[in-house]
């Protein structure tokens, strides 16, 4: 019974790791980043 439990646990872990390996990449966009040609403030702040 223990070997069956270990085998099922191992199979579940392998399936979970395989599912995450083929997942689509995550793109994170930061909205606070400004473009290079954005005018800068000239009042010293």
Protein backbone atom coordinates (compact mmCIF):
# COMPACT_ATOMS: atom_id res chain seq x y z
CA UNK A 1 0.00 0.00 0.00
CA UNK A 2 2.84 2.40 0.78
CA UNK A 3 4.49 1.83 -2.58
CA UNK A 4 1.19 2.58 -4.32
CA UNK A 5 0.85 5.82 -2.36
CA UNK A 6 4.42 6.79 -3.24
CA UNK A 7 3.83 5.97 -6.91
CA UNK A 8 0.65 8.02 -7.06
CA UNK A 9 2.35 10.94 -5.29
CA UNK A 10 5.31 10.77 -7.66
CA UNK A 11 3.04 10.66 -10.70
CA UNK A 12 1.07 13.67 -9.44
CA UNK A 13 4.27 15.65 -8.87
CA UNK A 14 5.59 14.78 -12.33
CA UNK A 15 2.29 15.79 -13.93
CA UNK A 16 2.23 19.10 -12.03
CA UNK A 17 5.81 19.95 -12.99
CA UNK A 18 5.18 19.05 -16.64
CA UNK A 19 2.06 21.21 -16.72
CA UNK A 20 3.94 24.25 -15.41
CA UNK A 21 6.86 23.66 -17.80
CA UNK A 22 4.58 24.04 -20.83
CA UNK A 23 2.58 27.00 -19.49
CA UNK A 24 2.57 30.21 -21.51
CA UNK A 25 5.10 32.82 -20.40
CA UNK A 26 3.83 35.64 -18.22
CA UNK A 27 4.42 39.21 -19.43
CA UNK A 28 4.58 41.92 -16.79
CA UNK A 29 4.16 45.52 -17.93
CA UNK A 30 5.06 48.37 -15.61
CA UNK A 31 2.80 51.35 -16.18
CA UNK A 32 5.04 53.77 -14.25
CA UNK A 33 7.93 53.47 -16.71
CA UNK A 34 8.11 56.44 -19.07
CA UNK A 35 9.34 56.59 -22.64
CA UNK A 36 12.81 57.95 -23.45
CA UNK A 37 11.44 60.97 -25.32
CA UNK A 38 9.16 62.12 -22.48
CA UNK A 39 9.90 65.76 -21.54
CA UNK A 40 11.55 66.13 -18.14
CA UNK A 41 10.54 68.67 -15.52
CA UNK A 42 12.88 71.64 -15.33
CA UNK A 43 11.78 73.08 -11.97
CA UNK A 44 14.24 70.93 -10.02
CA UNK A 45 11.80 68.39 -8.62
